[in-house]
Protein backbone atom coordinates (compact mmCIF):
# COMPACT_ATOMS: atom_id res chain seq x y z
CA MET A 1 7.47 1.50 7.04
CA THR A 2 11.01 1.33 8.32
CA ALA A 3 13.87 -1.09 8.16
CA ASP A 4 14.83 -3.23 11.12
CA ASN A 5 16.77 -1.89 14.12
CA ASP A 6 19.99 -3.68 13.11
CA SER A 7 20.39 -1.65 9.91
CA THR A 8 22.77 1.29 9.59
CA PRO A 9 21.47 4.79 8.82
CA GLN A 10 22.64 4.40 5.22
CA GLY A 11 20.97 0.99 5.04
CA ASN A 12 17.74 2.56 6.28
CA ALA A 13 18.08 5.31 3.66
CA ALA A 14 18.63 2.79 0.88
CA TYR A 15 15.65 0.78 2.09
CA ALA A 16 13.43 3.87 2.12
CA ARG A 17 14.50 4.82 -1.41
CA LEU A 18 13.84 1.36 -2.81
CA MET A 19 10.46 1.15 -1.07
CA SER A 20 9.59 4.55 -2.53
CA ASP A 21 10.57 3.31 -6.00
CA LEU A 22 8.37 0.28 -5.52
CA ARG A 23 5.41 2.37 -4.35
CA ALA A 24 5.78 4.73 -7.30
CA GLY A 25 5.98 1.94 -9.86
CA ARG A 26 9.66 2.51 -10.71
CA LEU A 27 10.37 -1.05 -9.56
CA HIS A 28 8.19 -3.87 -10.83
CA PRO A 29 7.59 -7.55 -9.98
CA GLY A 30 10.37 -9.60 -11.54
CA ASP A 31 12.87 -6.71 -11.67
CA ARG A 32 16.37 -7.79 -10.70
CA LEU A 33 18.11 -5.90 -7.91
CA ARG A 34 21.77 -5.61 -8.90
CA GLU A 35 23.79 -4.19 -6.03
CA THR A 36 26.31 -2.38 -8.23
CA GLU A 37 23.68 -0.67 -10.37
CA LEU A 38 21.55 0.31 -7.37
CA ALA A 39 24.55 1.64 -5.45
CA GLU A 40 25.49 3.85 -8.40
CA ARG A 41 21.94 5.12 -8.85
CA LEU A 42 21.45 5.81 -5.12
CA GLY A 43 24.90 7.37 -4.74
CA MET A 44 26.10 5.04 -1.98
CA SER A 45 28.24 1.97 -1.48
CA ARG A 46 27.07 -1.59 -2.04
CA THR A 47 26.95 -2.37 1.71
CA PRO A 48 23.81 -0.32 2.57
CA VAL A 49 22.19 -1.49 -0.65
CA ARG A 50 22.83 -5.08 0.42
CA GLU A 51 21.29 -4.28 3.83
CA ALA A 52 18.22 -2.82 2.14
CA ILE A 53 17.76 -5.82 -0.11
CA ARG A 54 18.11 -8.13 2.89
CA GLN A 55 15.40 -6.19 4.76
CA MET A 56 13.11 -6.28 1.72
CA GLU A 57 13.61 -10.03 1.60
CA ALA A 58 12.63 -10.22 5.29
CA ASP A 59 9.49 -8.23 4.40
CA GLY A 60 8.60 -10.82 1.75
CA ILE A 61 9.07 -8.32 -1.08
CA VAL A 62 12.32 -9.70 -2.52
CA THR A 63 13.13 -13.25 -3.46
CA HIS A 64 16.33 -14.91 -4.68
CA VAL A 65 16.06 -16.58 -8.08
CA PRO A 66 18.61 -19.31 -8.92
CA ARG A 67 21.39 -18.02 -11.22
CA GLN A 68 19.83 -14.54 -11.24
CA GLY A 69 20.05 -13.21 -7.70
CA ALA A 70 17.65 -10.92 -5.89
CA SER A 71 14.50 -9.73 -7.62
CA ILE A 72 11.13 -8.23 -6.70
CA ARG A 73 8.66 -11.01 -6.00
CA ARG A 74 5.82 -11.79 -8.35
CA LEU A 75 2.46 -12.44 -6.66
CA ASP A 76 0.17 -15.01 -8.20
CA TYR A 77 -3.57 -14.46 -8.53
CA ALA A 78 -4.39 -16.38 -5.35
CA GLU A 79 -1.92 -14.30 -3.31
CA VAL A 80 -3.43 -11.05 -4.62
CA MET A 81 -6.92 -12.20 -3.66
CA GLU A 82 -5.73 -13.30 -0.21
CA LEU A 83 -3.99 -9.96 0.39
CA TYR A 84 -7.14 -8.01 -0.38
CA GLU A 85 -9.27 -10.36 1.71
CA MET A 86 -7.00 -9.70 4.68
CA ARG A 87 -6.98 -5.97 3.95
CA ALA A 88 -10.78 -5.92 4.00
CA VAL A 89 -10.81 -7.74 7.34
CA LEU A 90 -8.15 -5.58 8.99
CA GLU A 91 -9.21 -2.18 7.67
CA GLY A 92 -12.85 -3.05 8.27
CA THR A 93 -11.90 -3.73 11.88
CA ALA A 94 -10.01 -0.42 12.02
CA ALA A 95 -13.12 1.45 10.85
CA ARG A 96 -15.26 -0.30 13.46
CA LEU A 97 -12.82 0.56 16.25
CA ALA A 98 -12.49 4.14 15.00
CA ALA A 99 -16.25 4.57 15.29
CA ARG A 100 -15.83 3.87 19.00
CA ALA A 101 -12.48 5.51 19.74
CA ALA A 102 -11.94 8.42 17.32
CA SER A 103 -12.03 11.88 18.86
CA ASP A 104 -14.19 14.60 17.34
CA ILE A 105 -11.01 16.36 16.21
CA GLU A 106 -9.79 13.23 14.41
CA ILE A 107 -13.13 12.85 12.66
CA VAL A 108 -13.02 16.47 11.48
CA GLU A 109 -9.47 15.91 10.20
CA LEU A 110 -10.55 12.79 8.29
CA LEU A 111 -13.46 14.66 6.76
CA ASP A 112 -11.12 17.47 5.72
CA MET A 113 -8.62 15.06 4.17
CA ASN A 114 -11.36 13.36 2.17
CA GLN A 115 -12.64 16.73 0.98
CA GLN A 116 -9.13 17.62 -0.17
CA LEU A 117 -8.86 14.27 -1.90
CA GLY A 118 -12.04 14.99 -3.84
CA ALA A 119 -10.65 18.34 -4.97
CA LEU A 120 -7.35 16.89 -6.16
CA GLY A 121 -8.68 14.24 -8.52
CA ASN A 122 -6.44 11.68 -10.21
CA VAL A 123 -2.95 13.10 -9.49
CA PRO A 124 0.12 11.82 -7.57
CA GLU A 125 -0.62 14.17 -4.65
CA ALA A 126 -3.99 12.43 -4.27
CA PHE A 127 -2.30 9.04 -3.93
CA GLN A 128 -0.15 10.33 -1.07
CA LEU A 129 -3.14 11.98 0.61
CA ASN A 130 -5.13 8.76 0.28
CA ARG A 131 -2.37 6.88 2.14
CA ARG A 132 -2.42 9.53 4.87
CA PHE A 133 -6.20 9.23 5.12
CA HIS A 134 -6.02 5.48 5.70
CA SER A 135 -3.14 5.92 8.17
CA ALA A 136 -5.07 8.57 10.11
CA LEU A 137 -8.13 6.33 10.30
CA LEU A 138 -5.93 3.49 11.55
CA GLU A 139 -4.46 5.76 14.25
CA ALA A 140 -8.00 6.69 15.31
CA ALA A 141 -8.73 2.99 15.90
CA ARG A 142 -6.34 3.01 18.90
CA ASN A 143 -5.04 -0.55 18.51
CA ARG A 144 -1.28 -1.02 18.22
CA PHE A 145 -1.49 -4.69 17.29
CA LEU A 146 -3.90 -3.92 14.47
CA THR A 147 -1.58 -1.14 13.29
CA ARG A 148 1.36 -3.54 13.09
CA SER A 149 -0.68 -6.10 11.17
CA ILE A 150 -1.88 -3.57 8.60
CA GLN A 151 1.59 -2.07 8.15
CA ALA A 152 3.01 -5.54 7.45
CA LEU A 153 0.24 -6.20 4.94
CA GLN A 154 0.85 -2.86 3.22
CA LYS A 155 4.42 -3.87 2.47
CA SER A 156 3.21 -6.89 0.51
CA LEU A 157 0.64 -4.74 -1.29
CA LEU A 158 3.47 -2.52 -2.55
CA ILE A 159 4.52 -5.36 -4.85
CA LEU A 160 1.37 -4.69 -6.84
CA GLY A 161 2.63 -1.24 -7.83
CA PRO A 162 0.95 2.18 -7.84
CA SER A 163 -2.38 2.90 -6.16
CA THR A 164 -5.60 1.83 -7.85
CA LEU A 165 -6.47 5.54 -7.79
CA THR A 166 -4.42 5.82 -10.97
CA GLN A 167 -7.30 4.12 -12.78
CA SER A 168 -9.88 6.28 -14.54
CA ASP A 169 -12.55 7.74 -12.18
CA ARG A 170 -11.36 5.55 -9.28
CA ALA A 171 -10.37 8.57 -7.15
CA GLU A 172 -13.86 10.06 -7.41
CA LYS A 173 -15.48 6.78 -6.41
CA ALA A 174 -13.01 6.30 -3.53
CA VAL A 175 -13.96 9.70 -2.10
CA ARG A 176 -17.64 8.69 -2.06
CA GLU A 177 -16.75 5.37 -0.43
CA HIS A 178 -14.66 7.16 2.20
CA ALA A 179 -17.61 9.46 2.87
CA ARG A 180 -19.83 6.50 3.68
CA VAL A 181 -17.22 5.18 6.12
CA LEU A 182 -16.94 8.59 7.76
CA ASP A 183 -20.71 9.03 8.01
CA ALA A 184 -20.84 5.79 9.99
CA ILE A 185 -17.91 6.82 12.19
CA LYS A 186 -19.55 10.19 12.93
CA ALA A 187 -22.72 8.31 13.89
CA ARG A 188 -20.62 6.01 16.14
CA ASP A 189 -22.04 3.03 14.22
CA GLY A 190 -19.20 0.52 14.26
CA ALA A 191 -20.97 -2.21 12.29
CA CYS A 192 -21.91 0.19 9.50
CA ALA A 193 -18.39 1.65 9.41
CA GLU A 194 -16.89 -1.82 9.05
CA THR A 195 -19.32 -2.76 6.28
CA ALA A 196 -18.59 0.48 4.40
CA MET A 197 -14.83 0.03 4.68
CA ARG A 198 -15.02 -3.57 3.50
CA ALA A 199 -17.03 -2.38 0.48
CA HIS A 200 -14.36 0.25 -0.20
CA ILE A 201 -11.52 -2.30 -0.13
CA GLU A 202 -13.48 -4.75 -2.27
CA ALA A 203 -14.08 -2.03 -4.87
CA ALA A 204 -10.32 -1.40 -4.99
CA GLN A 205 -9.76 -5.15 -5.30
CA ARG A 206 -12.00 -5.33 -8.36
CA VAL A 207 -10.07 -2.50 -10.03
CA ARG A 208 -6.76 -4.18 -9.20
CA VAL A 209 -7.86 -7.55 -10.58
CA ARG A 210 -9.04 -5.97 -13.85
CA ALA A 211 -5.68 -4.18 -14.21
CA LEU A 212 -3.71 -7.36 -13.52
CA ARG A 213 -5.75 -9.32 -16.04
CA ALA A 214 -5.15 -6.64 -18.67
CA LEU A 215 -1.43 -6.69 -17.91
CA SER A 216 -1.39 -10.48 -18.11
CA GLY A 217 -3.03 -10.32 -21.52
CA GLN A 218 -0.41 -7.87 -22.77
CA SER A 219 2.37 -10.08 -21.42
CA HIS A 220 1.01 -13.07 -23.30
CA ASP A 221 1.20 -11.00 -26.47
CA GLY A 222 4.90 -10.56 -25.85
CA ASP A 223 4.73 -6.81 -25.22
CA LEU A 224 6.00 -6.85 -21.64
CA LEU A 225 7.98 -10.03 -21.17
């Protein structure tokens, strides 16, 4: 995920830092993005910070609130459901194409990554490895237009915060779901690979929805708002 080609190197760096903060859960939906505070924290001038915020707005991650300025967008329930529906469609398609196009070496690499993921358990390193697993599977699909679509979708998903693998026992289940996808890819069974990947994304969606409902309940109690 990179900023647009019109940005300066410092603007790109600021963008990468803010996107990393969003991915790690250090920025949350509704958080205001004050240029002065961000520039001080990032150790740069306000100009690249302004560029980064402008790019995040182009990505659909930042919105401008009247009398408040820029802030991280809040997604409503319908938007969350729509994002996961599209993710299931696109990543399901990636799995189907990978069953046809992935090389034997790529399949071995995916199997190795999933094995490593199972050994790591529920730790930050596992979240990064899980992203690499999905990226490697997407590369194995050999479709540049699909890659662009999924990368754009992933930016919107960042608004939701950290990976669902942070939830109890989710990492273990995800490894088993990945294994079913990879079994189908090894067998060159595109339909089965797509079905298994859709099931994997839908399982993540259920975990996400439960977490959002719990958070909403806490907010109504006045703990978070």
